[in-house]
PDB file of N, CA and C in Angstrom:
ATOM      1  N   UNK A   1     120.735 121.767 116.685  1.00  0.00           N
ATOM      2  CA  UNK A   1     119.978 120.848 115.833  1.00  0.00           C
ATOM      3  C   UNK A   1     118.486 121.019 116.135  1.00  0.00           C
ATOM      4  N   UNK A   2     117.680 121.211 115.105  1.00  0.00           N
ATOM      5  CA  UNK A   2     116.237 121.386 115.326  1.00  0.00           C
ATOM      6  C   UNK A   2     115.596 120.127 115.910  1.00  0.00           C
ATOM      7  N   UNK A   3     114.476 120.313 116.541  1.00  0.00           N
ATOM      8  CA  UNK A   3     113.786 119.196 117.196  1.00  0.00           C
ATOM      9  C   UNK A   3     113.295 118.167 116.186  1.00  0.00           C
ATOM     10  N   UNK A   4     112.862 118.618 115.006  1.00  0.00           N
ATOM     11  CA  UNK A   4     112.352 117.662 114.012  1.00  0.00           C
ATOM     12  C   UNK A   4     113.466 116.750 113.493  1.00  0.00           C
ATOM     13  N   UNK A   5     114.699 117.234 113.448  1.00  0.00           N
ATOM     14  CA  UNK A   5     115.818 116.406 112.993  1.00  0.00           C
ATOM     15  C   UNK A   5     116.080 115.276 113.986  1.00  0.00           C
ATOM     16  N   UNK A   6     116.015 115.577 115.264  1.00  0.00           N
ATOM     17  CA  UNK A   6     116.198 114.548 116.289  1.00  0.00           C
ATOM     18  C   UNK A   6     115.062 113.541 116.236  1.00  0.00           C
ATOM     19  N   UNK A   7     113.857 114.035 115.984  1.00  0.00           N
ATOM     20  CA  UNK A   7     112.702 113.156 115.891  1.00  0.00           C
ATOM     21  C   UNK A   7     112.844 112.200 114.709  1.00  0.00           C
ATOM     22  N   UNK A   8     113.296 112.700 113.561  1.00  0.00           N
ATOM     23  CA  UNK A   8     113.490 111.853 112.383  1.00  0.00           C
ATOM     24  C   UNK A   8     114.653 110.890 112.578  1.00  0.00           C
ATOM     25  N   UNK A   9     115.653 111.302 113.350  1.00  0.00           N
ATOM     26  CA  UNK A   9     116.796 110.434 113.624  1.00  0.00           C
ATOM     27  C   UNK A   9     116.340 109.187 114.368  1.00  0.00           C
ATOM     28  N   UNK A  10     115.290 109.303 115.138  1.00  0.00           N
ATOM     29  CA  UNK A  10     114.741 108.170 115.879  1.00  0.00           C
ATOM     30  C   UNK A  10     113.722 107.401 115.042  1.00  0.00           C
ATOM     31  N   UNK A  11     112.909 108.108 114.271  1.00  0.00           N
ATOM     32  CA  UNK A  11     111.824 107.465 113.525  1.00  0.00           C
ATOM     33  C   UNK A  11     112.312 106.610 112.360  1.00  0.00           C
ATOM     34  N   UNK A  12     113.322 107.066 111.632  1.00  0.00           N
ATOM     35  CA  UNK A  12     113.736 106.346 110.429  1.00  0.00           C
ATOM     36  C   UNK A  12     114.266 104.946 110.718  1.00  0.00           C
ATOM     37  N   UNK A  13     115.161 104.744 111.682  1.00  0.00           N
ATOM     38  CA  UNK A  13     115.622 103.375 111.954  1.00  0.00           C
ATOM     39  C   UNK A  13     114.498 102.455 112.428  1.00  0.00           C
ATOM     40  N   UNK A  14     113.569 102.993 113.186  1.00  0.00           N
ATOM     41  CA  UNK A  14     112.437 102.186 113.646  1.00  0.00           C
ATOM     42  C   UNK A  14     111.566 101.796 112.454  1.00  0.00           C
ATOM     43  N   UNK A  15     111.304 102.736 111.566  1.00  0.00           N
ATOM     44  CA  UNK A  15     110.514 102.451 110.364  1.00  0.00           C
ATOM     45  C   UNK A  15     111.224 101.429 109.478  1.00  0.00           C
ATOM     46  N   UNK A  16     112.533 101.581 109.303  1.00  0.00           N
ATOM     47  CA  UNK A  16     113.292 100.645 108.474  1.00  0.00           C
ATOM     48  C   UNK A  16     113.255  99.240 109.072  1.00  0.00           C
ATOM     49  N   UNK A  17     113.376  99.126 110.375  1.00  0.00           N
ATOM     50  CA  UNK A  17     113.329  97.822 111.042  1.00  0.00           C
ATOM     51  C   UNK A  17     111.949  97.182 110.899  1.00  0.00           C
ATOM     52  N   UNK A  18     110.901  97.968 111.054  1.00  0.00           N
ATOM     53  CA  UNK A  18     109.539  97.446 110.910  1.00  0.00           C
ATOM     54  C   UNK A  18     109.301  96.965 109.479  1.00  0.00           C
ATOM     55  N   UNK A  19     109.743  97.733 108.484  1.00  0.00           N
ATOM     56  CA  UNK A  19     109.574  97.322 107.091  1.00  0.00           C
ATOM     57  C   UNK A  19     110.372  96.059 106.780  1.00  0.00           C
ATOM     58  N   UNK A  20     111.549  95.924 107.366  1.00  0.00           N
ATOM     59  CA  UNK A  20     112.350  94.717 107.156  1.00  0.00           C
ATOM     60  C   UNK A  20     111.660  93.492 107.754  1.00  0.00           C
ATOM     61  N   UNK A  21     111.084  93.644 108.932  1.00  0.00           N
ATOM     62  CA  UNK A  21     110.362  92.540 109.575  1.00  0.00           C
ATOM     63  C   UNK A  21     109.145  92.147 108.745  1.00  0.00           C
ATOM     64  N   UNK A  22     108.416  93.138 108.229  1.00  0.00           N
ATOM     65  CA  UNK A  22     107.253  92.852 107.385  1.00  0.00           C
ATOM     66  C   UNK A  22     107.681  92.108 106.123  1.00  0.00           C
ATOM     67  N   UNK A  23     108.804  92.516 105.524  1.00  0.00           N
ATOM     68  CA  UNK A  23     109.306  91.845 104.326  1.00  0.00           C
ATOM     69  C   UNK A  23     109.662  90.395 104.619  1.00  0.00           C
ATOM     70  N   UNK A  24     110.317  90.140 105.738  1.00  0.00           N
ATOM     71  CA  UNK A  24     110.687  88.769 106.114  1.00  0.00           C
ATOM     72  C   UNK A  24     109.446  87.917 106.343  1.00  0.00           C
ATOM     73  N   UNK A  25     108.447  88.467 107.008  1.00  0.00           N
ATOM     74  CA  UNK A  25     107.212  87.721 107.276  1.00  0.00           C
ATOM     75  C   UNK A  25     106.487  87.410 105.967  1.00  0.00           C
ATOM     76  N   UNK A  26     106.380  88.394 105.078  1.00  0.00           N
ATOM     77  CA  UNK A  26     105.709  88.155 103.798  1.00  0.00           C
ATOM     78  C   UNK A  26     106.460  87.129 102.957  1.00  0.00           C
ATOM     79  N   UNK A  27     107.776  87.153 102.980  1.00  0.00           N
ATOM     80  CA  UNK A  27     108.556  86.162 102.238  1.00  0.00           C
ATOM     81  C   UNK A  27     108.314  84.767 102.802  1.00  0.00           C
ATOM     82  N   UNK A  28     108.277  84.660 104.130  1.00  0.00           N
ATOM     83  CA  UNK A  28     108.050  83.357 104.762  1.00  0.00           C
ATOM     84  C   UNK A  28     106.657  82.824 104.441  1.00  0.00           C
ATOM     85  N   UNK A  29     105.681  83.704 104.310  1.00  0.00           N
ATOM     86  CA  UNK A  29     104.311  83.275 104.027  1.00  0.00           C
ATOM     87  C   UNK A  29     104.147  82.856 102.567  1.00  0.00           C
ATOM     88  N   UNK A  30     104.734  83.597 101.641  1.00  0.00           N
ATOM     89  CA  UNK A  30     104.469  83.368 100.223  1.00  0.00           C
ATOM     90  C   UNK A  30     105.519  82.537  99.495  1.00  0.00           C
ATOM     91  N   UNK A  31     106.665  82.280 100.094  1.00  0.00           N
ATOM     92  CA  UNK A  31     107.691  81.478  99.420  1.00  0.00           C
ATOM     93  C   UNK A  31     107.253  80.017  99.383  1.00  0.00           C
ATOM     94  N   UNK A  32     107.454  79.373  98.238  1.00  0.00           N
ATOM     95  CA  UNK A  32     107.083  77.971  98.074  1.00  0.00           C
ATOM     96  C   UNK A  32     108.367  77.173  97.898  1.00  0.00           C
ATOM     97  N   UNK A  33     108.580  76.230  98.796  1.00  0.00           N
ATOM     98  CA  UNK A  33     109.782  75.415  98.754  1.00  0.00           C
ATOM     99  C   UNK A  33     109.450  74.039  98.214  1.00  0.00           C
ATOM    100  N   UNK A  34     110.370  73.471  97.459  1.00  0.00           N
ATOM    101  CA  UNK A  34     110.214  72.131  96.919  1.00  0.00           C
ATOM    102  C   UNK A  34     110.670  71.142  97.980  1.00  0.00           C
ATOM    103  N   UNK A  35     109.766  70.270  98.418  1.00  0.00           N
ATOM    104  CA  UNK A  35     110.108  69.315  99.471  1.00  0.00           C
ATOM    105  C   UNK A  35     110.709  68.027  98.921  1.00  0.00           C
ATOM    106  N   UNK A  36     110.747  67.865  97.607  1.00  0.00           N
ATOM    107  CA  UNK A  36     111.382  66.707  97.006  1.00  0.00           C
ATOM    108  C   UNK A  36     110.493  65.486  96.913  1.00  0.00           C
ATOM    109  N   UNK A  37     109.254  65.581  97.346  1.00  0.00           N
ATOM    110  CA  UNK A  37     108.339  64.439  97.308  1.00  0.00           C
ATOM    111  C   UNK A  37     107.681  64.386  95.929  1.00  0.00           C
ATOM    112  N   UNK A  38     107.622  63.199  95.352  1.00  0.00           N
ATOM    113  CA  UNK A  38     106.911  63.013  94.102  1.00  0.00           C
ATOM    114  C   UNK A  38     107.748  63.225  92.863  1.00  0.00           C
ATOM    115  N   UNK A  39     109.050  63.297  92.981  1.00  0.00           N
ATOM    116  CA  UNK A  39     109.882  63.505  91.798  1.00  0.00           C
ATOM    117  C   UNK A  39     109.981  62.251  90.940  1.00  0.00           C
ATOM    118  N   UNK A  40     109.806  61.078  91.529  1.00  0.00           N
ATOM    119  CA  UNK A  40     109.922  59.849  90.751  1.00  0.00           C
ATOM    120  C   UNK A  40     108.719  59.637  89.835  1.00  0.00           C
ATOM    121  N   UNK A  41     107.637  60.364  90.045  1.00  0.00           N
ATOM    122  CA  UNK A  41     106.461  60.208  89.197  1.00  0.00           C
ATOM    123  C   UNK A  41     106.575  61.021  87.907  1.00  0.00           C
ATOM    124  N   UNK A  42     107.544  61.910  87.819  1.00  0.00           N
ATOM    125  CA  UNK A  42     107.731  62.712  86.607  1.00  0.00           C
ATOM    126  C   UNK A  42     108.516  61.902  85.578  1.00  0.00           C
ATOM    127  N   UNK A  43     108.095  62.016  84.330  1.00  0.00           N
ATOM    128  CA  UNK A  43     108.771  61.300  83.261  1.00  0.00           C
ATOM    129  C   UNK A  43     109.383  62.298  82.291  1.00  0.00           C
ATOM    130  N   UNK A  44     110.541  61.966  81.804  1.00  0.00           N
ATOM    131  CA  UNK A  44     111.216  62.809  80.836  1.00  0.00           C
ATOM    132  C   UNK A  44     110.595  62.580  79.457  1.00  0.00           C
ATOM    133  N   UNK A  45     110.180  63.644  78.795  1.00  0.00           N
ATOM    134  CA  UNK A  45     109.510  63.522  77.498  1.00  0.00           C
ATOM    135  C   UNK A  45     110.483  63.090  76.401  1.00  0.00           C
ATOM    136  N   UNK A  46     111.763  63.324  76.584  1.00  0.00           N
ATOM    137  CA  UNK A  46     112.741  62.964  75.555  1.00  0.00           C
ATOM    138  C   UNK A  46     113.246  61.536  75.720  1.00  0.00           C
ATOM    139  N   UNK A  47     112.797  60.869  76.737  1.00  0.00           N
ATOM    140  CA  UNK A  47     113.247  59.502  77.014  1.00  0.00           C
ATOM    141  C   UNK A  47     112.622  58.533  76.010  1.00  0.00           C
ATOM    142  N   UNK A  48     113.429  57.677  75.391  1.00  0.00           N
ATOM    143  CA  UNK A  48     112.884  56.704  74.439  1.00  0.00           C
ATOM    144  C   UNK A  48     112.667  55.370  75.142  1.00  0.00           C
ATOM    145  N   UNK A  49     111.536  54.748  74.866  1.00  0.00           N
ATOM    146  CA  UNK A  49     111.207  53.468  75.513  1.00  0.00           C
ATOM    147  C   UNK A  49     111.411  52.321  74.577  1.00  0.00           C
TER     148      UNK A  49
END
């Protein structure tokens, strides 16, 4: 087996793990979750008074 094949065998899993960690961090930073506060202030437009 050539030396470059062994080198790539080590590099690819490390690169994949680093990219996965970066994806998780970016998702945690940019994801917006609804905390449920302030829902009672919304009014339904189809509601008749």
